[in-house]
Amino acid sequence: MKLIAKAEQNYPFSEHIIHVENSAGKNYELVTWHFPNGQMVQLVMYSPEDAELYSMPPSLVLADEGDQGQFYTAKEIELFLSRIMNS
């Protein structure tokens, strides 16, 4: 069983988080999810409700996902990640 760091518990699908990189002196974290379907995605998390897409598989094209990779609500982030997980 994976021990989940406190920071990871604030993010959706925390059971699939494989890495959280804290920025030194900055107010964000680079969070990496690896889903059972093999897809991996990274978001720069400024808060649980504010994120920016850092990387995702080039084979995935998802329409209408944020404003050029920006997510402004926790629901947008969760919807984006669920679509990656279920792709």
N, C-alpha and C. Protein backbone atom coordinates (compact mmCIF):
# COMPACT_ATOMS: atom_id res chain seq x y z
N MET A 1 0.84 -1.17 0.00
CA MET A 1 0.00 0.00 0.00
C MET A 1 0.89 1.24 0.00
N LYS A 2 0.59 2.16 -0.87
CA LYS A 2 1.36 3.39 -1.01
C LYS A 2 0.97 4.38 0.08
N LEU A 3 1.97 4.97 0.72
CA LEU A 3 1.70 6.03 1.68
C LEU A 3 1.54 7.33 0.91
N ILE A 4 0.44 8.01 1.13
CA ILE A 4 0.15 9.24 0.41
C ILE A 4 0.55 10.43 1.27
N ALA A 5 1.40 11.26 0.71
CA ALA A 5 1.82 12.48 1.41
C ALA A 5 0.61 13.38 1.61
N LYS A 6 0.67 14.21 2.61
CA LYS A 6 -0.45 15.11 2.91
C LYS A 6 -0.82 15.98 1.71
N ALA A 7 0.18 16.48 0.98
CA ALA A 7 -0.09 17.33 -0.18
C ALA A 7 -0.88 16.57 -1.24
N GLU A 8 -0.59 15.28 -1.42
CA GLU A 8 -1.28 14.50 -2.43
C GLU A 8 -2.75 14.32 -2.11
N GLN A 9 -3.11 14.32 -0.86
CA GLN A 9 -4.48 14.09 -0.46
C GLN A 9 -5.41 15.20 -0.94
N ASN A 10 -4.88 16.34 -1.28
CA ASN A 10 -5.69 17.46 -1.75
C ASN A 10 -6.05 17.35 -3.22
N TYR A 11 -5.48 16.39 -3.93
CA TYR A 11 -5.66 16.30 -5.37
C TYR A 11 -6.54 15.12 -5.74
N PRO A 12 -7.31 15.24 -6.84
CA PRO A 12 -8.16 14.13 -7.26
C PRO A 12 -7.32 12.94 -7.71
N PHE A 13 -7.90 11.77 -7.58
CA PHE A 13 -7.27 10.51 -8.00
C PHE A 13 -5.90 10.33 -7.34
N SER A 14 -5.82 10.68 -6.06
CA SER A 14 -4.54 10.64 -5.34
C SER A 14 -3.93 9.25 -5.33
N GLU A 15 -4.74 8.22 -5.47
CA GLU A 15 -4.20 6.86 -5.49
C GLU A 15 -3.34 6.59 -6.72
N HIS A 16 -3.43 7.46 -7.73
CA HIS A 16 -2.64 7.30 -8.95
C HIS A 16 -1.47 8.28 -9.04
N ILE A 17 -1.28 9.08 -8.01
CA ILE A 17 -0.15 10.02 -8.00
C ILE A 17 1.13 9.25 -7.70
N ILE A 18 2.11 9.42 -8.59
CA ILE A 18 3.38 8.73 -8.39
C ILE A 18 4.50 9.67 -7.97
N HIS A 19 4.28 10.98 -8.14
CA HIS A 19 5.34 11.92 -7.77
C HIS A 19 4.75 13.31 -7.55
N VAL A 20 5.23 13.97 -6.52
CA VAL A 20 4.91 15.37 -6.27
C VAL A 20 6.22 16.09 -6.04
N GLU A 21 6.50 17.04 -6.90
CA GLU A 21 7.74 17.83 -6.77
C GLU A 21 7.38 19.22 -6.27
N ASN A 22 7.87 19.54 -5.10
CA ASN A 22 7.63 20.87 -4.53
C ASN A 22 8.64 21.85 -5.11
N SER A 23 8.17 23.02 -5.46
CA SER A 23 9.07 24.04 -5.99
C SER A 23 9.72 24.78 -4.83
N ALA A 24 11.00 24.95 -4.91
CA ALA A 24 11.73 25.66 -3.86
C ALA A 24 11.41 27.15 -3.94
N GLY A 25 10.79 27.67 -2.91
CA GLY A 25 10.50 29.10 -2.84
C GLY A 25 9.34 29.56 -3.70
N LYS A 26 8.64 28.66 -4.34
CA LYS A 26 7.51 29.03 -5.19
C LYS A 26 6.24 28.43 -4.60
N ASN A 27 5.10 28.91 -5.06
CA ASN A 27 3.82 28.42 -4.55
C ASN A 27 3.15 27.46 -5.52
N TYR A 28 3.84 26.42 -5.94
CA TYR A 28 3.22 25.41 -6.78
C TYR A 28 3.92 24.07 -6.61
N GLU A 29 3.24 23.03 -7.09
CA GLU A 29 3.79 21.68 -7.10
C GLU A 29 3.59 21.09 -8.48
N LEU A 30 4.55 20.31 -8.93
CA LEU A 30 4.41 19.54 -10.17
C LEU A 30 3.95 18.15 -9.75
N VAL A 31 2.73 17.79 -10.15
CA VAL A 31 2.13 16.53 -9.73
C VAL A 31 2.03 15.61 -10.94
N THR A 32 2.46 14.35 -10.75
CA THR A 32 2.44 13.35 -11.82
C THR A 32 1.48 12.23 -11.45
N TRP A 33 0.52 11.98 -12.34
CA TRP A 33 -0.40 10.85 -12.21
C TRP A 33 -0.01 9.79 -13.23
N HIS A 34 -0.09 8.53 -12.84
CA HIS A 34 0.11 7.40 -13.76
C HIS A 34 -1.08 6.47 -13.57
N PHE A 35 -1.92 6.39 -14.60
CA PHE A 35 -3.17 5.65 -14.50
C PHE A 35 -3.00 4.19 -14.94
N PRO A 36 -3.91 3.30 -14.52
CA PRO A 36 -3.81 1.89 -14.88
C PRO A 36 -3.79 1.62 -16.38
N ASN A 37 -4.33 2.53 -17.18
CA ASN A 37 -4.32 2.35 -18.64
C ASN A 37 -2.97 2.73 -19.25
N GLY A 38 -1.99 3.07 -18.40
CA GLY A 38 -0.65 3.41 -18.88
C GLY A 38 -0.44 4.88 -19.18
N GLN A 39 -1.50 5.66 -19.15
CA GLN A 39 -1.38 7.09 -19.46
C GLN A 39 -0.79 7.85 -18.27
N MET A 40 0.07 8.80 -18.60
CA MET A 40 0.69 9.63 -17.57
C MET A 40 0.43 11.09 -17.91
N VAL A 41 0.14 11.88 -16.88
CA VAL A 41 -0.12 13.30 -17.07
C VAL A 41 0.51 14.07 -15.92
N GLN A 42 0.99 15.27 -16.23
CA GLN A 42 1.57 16.14 -15.21
C GLN A 42 0.87 17.49 -15.24
N LEU A 43 0.52 17.96 -14.05
CA LEU A 43 -0.08 19.28 -13.91
C LEU A 43 0.75 20.09 -12.92
N VAL A 44 0.90 21.37 -13.23
CA VAL A 44 1.47 22.31 -12.26
C VAL A 44 0.29 22.78 -11.42
N MET A 45 0.32 22.44 -10.14
CA MET A 45 -0.78 22.75 -9.24
C MET A 45 -0.42 23.97 -8.40
N TYR A 46 -1.14 25.05 -8.63
CA TYR A 46 -0.96 26.26 -7.82
C TYR A 46 -1.80 26.18 -6.55
N SER A 47 -2.91 25.46 -6.65
CA SER A 47 -3.80 25.16 -5.52
C SER A 47 -4.67 24.00 -5.99
N PRO A 48 -5.47 23.40 -5.10
CA PRO A 48 -6.36 22.32 -5.56
C PRO A 48 -7.39 22.77 -6.60
N GLU A 49 -7.55 24.08 -6.79
CA GLU A 49 -8.52 24.59 -7.76
C GLU A 49 -7.88 25.41 -8.87
N ASP A 50 -6.58 25.39 -8.99
CA ASP A 50 -5.89 26.19 -9.99
C ASP A 50 -4.69 25.40 -10.50
N ALA A 51 -4.73 25.05 -11.79
CA ALA A 51 -3.67 24.21 -12.34
C ALA A 51 -3.41 24.56 -13.80
N GLU A 52 -2.26 24.10 -14.26
CA GLU A 52 -1.85 24.30 -15.64
C GLU A 52 -1.28 22.99 -16.16
N LEU A 53 -1.66 22.61 -17.37
CA LEU A 53 -1.16 21.39 -17.98
C LEU A 53 0.33 21.52 -18.24
N TYR A 54 1.10 20.54 -17.77
CA TYR A 54 2.55 20.51 -17.98
C TYR A 54 2.89 19.51 -19.08
N SER A 55 2.34 18.29 -18.97
CA SER A 55 2.55 17.31 -20.03
C SER A 55 1.45 16.27 -20.01
N MET A 56 1.18 15.71 -21.18
CA MET A 56 0.23 14.61 -21.32
C MET A 56 0.64 13.83 -22.55
N PRO A 57 0.15 12.61 -22.72
CA PRO A 57 0.53 11.81 -23.87
C PRO A 57 0.15 12.51 -25.18
N PRO A 58 1.07 12.58 -26.13
CA PRO A 58 0.77 13.25 -27.40
C PRO A 58 -0.32 12.55 -28.20
N SER A 59 -0.56 11.28 -27.92
CA SER A 59 -1.59 10.54 -28.65
C SER A 59 -3.00 10.95 -28.25
N LEU A 60 -3.13 11.64 -27.12
CA LEU A 60 -4.45 12.04 -26.65
C LEU A 60 -4.78 13.46 -27.11
N VAL A 61 -5.94 13.60 -27.69
CA VAL A 61 -6.44 14.91 -28.06
C VAL A 61 -7.80 15.06 -27.39
N LEU A 62 -7.86 15.94 -26.44
CA LEU A 62 -9.10 16.14 -25.70
C LEU A 62 -9.61 17.55 -25.96
N ALA A 63 -10.80 17.64 -26.49
CA ALA A 63 -11.37 18.95 -26.83
C ALA A 63 -11.84 19.69 -25.59
N ASP A 64 -11.80 20.99 -25.67
CA ASP A 64 -12.37 21.87 -24.65
C ASP A 64 -11.83 21.62 -23.25
N GLU A 65 -10.56 21.38 -23.13
CA GLU A 65 -9.97 21.15 -21.81
C GLU A 65 -9.29 22.41 -21.32
N GLY A 66 -10.00 23.19 -20.58
CA GLY A 66 -9.42 24.40 -20.02
C GLY A 66 -9.15 25.44 -21.10
N ASP A 67 -8.62 26.55 -20.69
CA ASP A 67 -8.27 27.64 -21.59
C ASP A 67 -6.78 27.53 -21.89
N GLN A 68 -6.45 26.82 -22.97
CA GLN A 68 -5.06 26.57 -23.36
C GLN A 68 -4.28 25.91 -22.23
N GLY A 69 -4.87 24.88 -21.65
CA GLY A 69 -4.20 24.12 -20.61
C GLY A 69 -4.32 24.69 -19.22
N GLN A 70 -5.16 25.69 -19.05
CA GLN A 70 -5.40 26.26 -17.72
C GLN A 70 -6.69 25.69 -17.15
N PHE A 71 -6.68 25.38 -15.87
CA PHE A 71 -7.86 24.88 -15.18
C PHE A 71 -8.11 25.79 -13.99
N TYR A 72 -9.35 26.23 -13.84
CA TYR A 72 -9.67 27.23 -12.83
C TYR A 72 -10.56 26.72 -11.70
N THR A 73 -11.01 25.48 -11.79
CA THR A 73 -11.82 24.90 -10.72
C THR A 73 -11.39 23.46 -10.47
N ALA A 74 -11.66 22.98 -9.27
CA ALA A 74 -11.35 21.59 -8.94
C ALA A 74 -12.13 20.64 -9.84
N LYS A 75 -13.35 21.01 -10.22
CA LYS A 75 -14.18 20.16 -11.09
C LYS A 75 -13.56 20.04 -12.48
N GLU A 76 -13.03 21.12 -13.04
CA GLU A 76 -12.35 21.06 -14.34
C GLU A 76 -11.15 20.12 -14.28
N ILE A 77 -10.38 20.21 -13.21
CA ILE A 77 -9.20 19.36 -13.04
C ILE A 77 -9.63 17.90 -12.95
N GLU A 78 -10.64 17.62 -12.14
CA GLU A 78 -11.12 16.25 -11.98
C GLU A 78 -11.66 15.69 -13.29
N LEU A 79 -12.41 16.48 -14.04
CA LEU A 79 -12.96 16.04 -15.32
C LEU A 79 -11.83 15.72 -16.30
N PHE A 80 -10.84 16.58 -16.39
CA PHE A 80 -9.70 16.36 -17.28
C PHE A 80 -8.99 15.05 -16.92
N LEU A 81 -8.69 14.86 -15.64
CA LEU A 81 -7.98 13.66 -15.22
C LEU A 81 -8.82 12.40 -15.44
N SER A 82 -10.12 12.48 -15.23
CA SER A 82 -10.97 11.31 -15.45
C SER A 82 -11.01 10.93 -16.92
N ARG A 83 -10.96 11.90 -17.80
CA ARG A 83 -10.93 11.60 -19.24
C ARG A 83 -9.61 10.95 -19.64
N ILE A 84 -8.52 11.38 -19.05
CA ILE A 84 -7.22 10.74 -19.30
C ILE A 84 -7.27 9.30 -18.79
N MET A 85 -7.76 9.12 -17.58
CA MET A 85 -7.81 7.80 -16.96
C MET A 85 -8.69 6.84 -17.76
N ASN A 86 -9.75 7.34 -18.35
CA ASN A 86 -10.69 6.48 -19.08
C ASN A 86 -10.46 6.45 -20.58
N SER A 87 -9.36 7.01 -21.04
CA SER A 87 -9.10 7.04 -22.49
C SER A 87 -8.63 5.69 -22.99
